[in-house]
Protein backbone atom coordinates (compact mmCIF):
# COMPACT_ATOMS: atom_id res chain seq x y z
CA UNK A 1 60.43 -34.18 13.17
CA UNK A 2 61.92 -32.17 14.98
CA UNK A 3 61.25 -31.65 19.16
CA UNK A 4 61.02 -28.03 18.50
CA UNK A 5 57.78 -28.26 16.57
CA UNK A 6 56.23 -30.52 18.66
CA UNK A 7 54.51 -28.98 21.10
CA UNK A 8 53.78 -26.79 18.53
CA UNK A 9 51.57 -29.41 16.63
CA UNK A 10 50.90 -30.96 19.91
CA UNK A 11 48.87 -27.30 20.41
CA UNK A 12 47.43 -26.41 16.79
CA UNK A 13 46.19 -30.36 16.62
CA UNK A 14 42.93 -29.95 19.37
CA UNK A 15 42.42 -26.48 17.21
CA UNK A 16 42.26 -28.50 13.70
CA UNK A 17 39.86 -31.08 15.16
CA UNK A 18 37.60 -28.34 17.19
CA UNK A 19 37.79 -26.57 13.59
CA UNK A 20 36.96 -30.10 11.20
CA UNK A 21 33.90 -30.83 13.60
CA UNK A 22 32.24 -26.83 13.40
CA UNK A 23 32.78 -27.88 9.69
CA UNK A 24 32.02 -31.42 9.06
CA UNK A 25 29.10 -30.44 11.35
CA UNK A 26 27.89 -27.29 9.64
CA UNK A 27 27.64 -29.79 6.36
CA UNK A 28 26.29 -32.75 7.91
CA UNK A 29 24.33 -32.21 10.89
CA UNK A 30 25.06 -32.05 14.53
CA UNK A 31 23.77 -36.36 15.08
CA UNK A 32 25.84 -37.48 11.74
CA UNK A 33 29.09 -36.16 13.32
CA UNK A 34 28.52 -37.43 15.97
CA UNK A 35 27.81 -41.21 14.56
CA UNK A 36 31.37 -40.65 12.01
CA UNK A 37 33.14 -39.93 15.21
CA UNK A 38 31.70 -43.27 17.04
CA UNK A 39 32.06 -44.93 13.65
CA UNK A 40 35.23 -44.29 13.76
CA UNK A 41 36.42 -45.70 17.92
CA UNK A 42 34.15 -49.07 16.87
CA UNK A 43 36.08 -48.87 13.81
CA UNK A 44 39.36 -48.22 15.27
CA UNK A 45 39.06 -51.23 18.18
CA UNK A 46 38.13 -53.69 15.56
CA UNK A 47 41.43 -52.79 12.83
CA UNK A 48 43.05 -53.09 15.62
CA UNK A 49 41.92 -56.85 16.61
CA UNK A 50 42.09 -57.64 12.96
CA UNK A 51 45.33 -56.59 12.05
CA UNK A 52 47.06 -56.59 15.69
CA UNK A 53 46.30 -60.58 15.67
CA UNK A 54 47.90 -61.29 12.06
CA UNK A 55 51.28 -58.62 13.10
CA UNK A 56 51.57 -61.03 15.97
CA UNK A 57 51.28 -64.07 13.98
CA UNK A 58 54.09 -62.59 11.10
CA UNK A 59 56.35 -61.64 14.03
CA UNK A 60 55.90 -65.22 15.41
CA UNK A 61 57.09 -66.28 11.87
CA UNK A 62 59.41 -64.06 11.69
CA UNK A 63 61.52 -64.93 14.26
CA UNK A 64 60.97 -68.34 14.15
CA UNK A 65 62.28 -69.09 10.95
CA UNK A 66 66.14 -66.83 11.89
CA UNK A 67 64.83 -63.58 10.29
CA UNK A 68 64.93 -60.13 11.66
CA UNK A 69 61.57 -59.50 13.03
CA UNK A 70 62.10 -55.41 13.12
CA UNK A 71 59.80 -54.29 10.18
CA UNK A 72 56.57 -56.24 11.06
CA UNK A 73 57.20 -55.21 14.85
CA UNK A 74 57.33 -51.98 13.64
CA UNK A 75 54.31 -52.59 11.55
CA UNK A 76 52.42 -53.44 14.92
CA UNK A 77 53.43 -50.10 16.31
CA UNK A 78 52.42 -47.89 14.05
CA UNK A 79 48.53 -49.88 13.96
CA UNK A 80 48.42 -49.26 17.15
CA UNK A 81 49.27 -45.86 16.84
CA UNK A 82 46.95 -45.69 13.84
CA UNK A 83 44.30 -47.05 15.78
CA UNK A 84 44.55 -45.08 18.52
CA UNK A 85 44.06 -42.65 16.01
CA UNK A 86 41.06 -43.81 14.70
CA UNK A 87 39.85 -43.55 19.23
CA UNK A 88 40.51 -39.95 19.53
CA UNK A 89 37.46 -38.00 18.99
CA UNK A 90 38.33 -35.63 15.61
CA UNK A 91 39.17 -36.68 11.91
CA UNK A 92 42.48 -35.31 11.43
CA UNK A 93 43.53 -37.96 13.58
CA UNK A 94 40.79 -40.67 12.09
CA UNK A 95 42.52 -39.42 8.09
CA UNK A 96 45.84 -39.88 9.77
CA UNK A 97 44.58 -43.33 11.91
CA UNK A 98 43.08 -44.37 8.19
CA UNK A 99 46.39 -43.77 6.35
CA UNK A 100 48.50 -45.41 8.76
CA UNK A 101 46.46 -48.93 8.19
CA UNK A 102 47.62 -48.84 5.22
CA UNK A 103 50.03 -51.26 4.89
CA UNK A 104 51.55 -49.68 1.52
CA UNK A 105 52.03 -46.39 4.21
CA UNK A 106 53.90 -48.50 6.89
CA UNK A 107 55.84 -49.98 4.34
CA UNK A 108 57.65 -46.20 3.03
CA UNK A 109 57.29 -45.62 7.30
CA UNK A 110 59.26 -48.53 7.57
CA UNK A 111 61.74 -47.37 4.98
CA UNK A 112 62.35 -43.52 6.73
CA UNK A 113 62.27 -45.74 10.29
CA UNK A 114 64.96 -48.57 8.63
CA UNK A 115 68.07 -47.14 9.66
CA UNK A 116 67.36 -45.70 13.29
CA UNK A 117 66.01 -49.10 14.59
CA UNK A 118 68.33 -51.54 15.58
CA UNK A 119 66.76 -55.45 17.46
CA UNK A 120 68.24 -56.65 19.21
CA UNK A 121 67.55 -60.58 20.31
CA UNK A 122 68.40 -62.46 23.01
CA UNK A 123 66.94 -66.12 21.30
CA UNK A 124 69.29 -68.29 18.88
CA UNK A 125 67.21 -66.96 15.63
CA UNK A 126 68.85 -64.40 16.41
CA UNK A 127 72.54 -65.71 16.73
CA UNK A 128 72.49 -68.07 13.33
CA UNK A 129 74.19 -65.63 11.01
CA UNK A 130 77.69 -64.32 10.89
CA UNK A 131 78.69 -60.95 12.79
CA UNK A 132 79.92 -60.70 16.83
CA UNK A 133 76.29 -62.94 17.76
CA UNK A 134 76.92 -65.61 15.88
CA UNK A 135 77.73 -68.90 17.58
CA UNK A 136 76.96 -69.11 21.33
CA UNK A 137 77.06 -66.13 22.96
CA UNK A 138 79.37 -64.84 20.54
CA UNK A 139 81.72 -67.26 20.05
CA UNK A 140 81.73 -69.18 16.36
CA UNK A 141 80.07 -71.48 15.20
CA UNK A 142 81.77 -74.84 16.16
CA UNK A 143 81.76 -79.07 17.16
CA UNK A 144 81.46 -78.29 20.90
CA UNK A 145 82.95 -81.66 22.92
CA UNK A 146 80.04 -84.93 22.74
CA UNK A 147 79.91 -86.80 25.23
CA UNK A 148 78.60 -90.32 24.69
CA UNK A 149 77.22 -92.14 27.52
CA UNK A 150 75.55 -95.94 27.48
CA UNK A 151 73.14 -96.81 30.41
CA UNK A 152 75.38 -98.19 33.24
CA UNK A 153 77.18 -94.39 32.40
CA UNK A 154 73.82 -92.93 33.65
CA UNK A 155 71.36 -93.62 35.43
CA UNK A 156 68.49 -91.67 37.50
CA UNK A 157 66.66 -93.58 40.18
CA UNK A 158 62.99 -91.90 40.40
CA UNK A 159 62.13 -90.22 43.64
CA UNK A 160 58.87 -91.31 44.32
CA UNK A 161 57.95 -88.85 47.16
CA UNK A 162 57.53 -86.54 43.81
CA UNK A 163 54.92 -84.30 43.20
CA UNK A 164 55.79 -85.08 39.54
CA UNK A 165 55.50 -88.70 39.94
CA UNK A 166 54.33 -91.06 37.63
CA UNK A 167 54.40 -93.58 40.47
CA UNK A 168 51.33 -93.53 42.92
CA UNK A 169 52.15 -93.17 46.82
CA UNK A 170 51.60 -96.38 49.24
CA UNK A 171 50.77 -93.88 52.06
CA UNK A 172 47.75 -92.05 49.65
């Protein structure tokens, strides 16, 4: 959406929501309209909680497997936006929010946004493939120098004064 259109949409959206309240209020009554508004707020909060936990688990699994969590991150952002739209009073925002909760609509939005989003990570999972991030800090994957030590070559005496020591202190 062009930035020159955004102020017009922001200005016209509340007017459209007010018109929606008037139309629905005439059809079903004031109390039923208020009930629908309260129900949409509760539905938005519940869907955010249910869907949000699932998205966080999928992002974590995708990252652990070395995949690109970009799709799941965008889905998570769209779920937050959808819940926000459901919690706003108004029927037009509720329709937009409910549409964003549908996975097919989110996939369509991901296809549109995919070319404009770059996910950059700093963990090993993001450096597994070929390319500038491969290997250790941009170096190609080569076996490093291995230092093999025997028990006699390296031995650490435990510090018994350390608070993390397994040994009990005699002074205590």
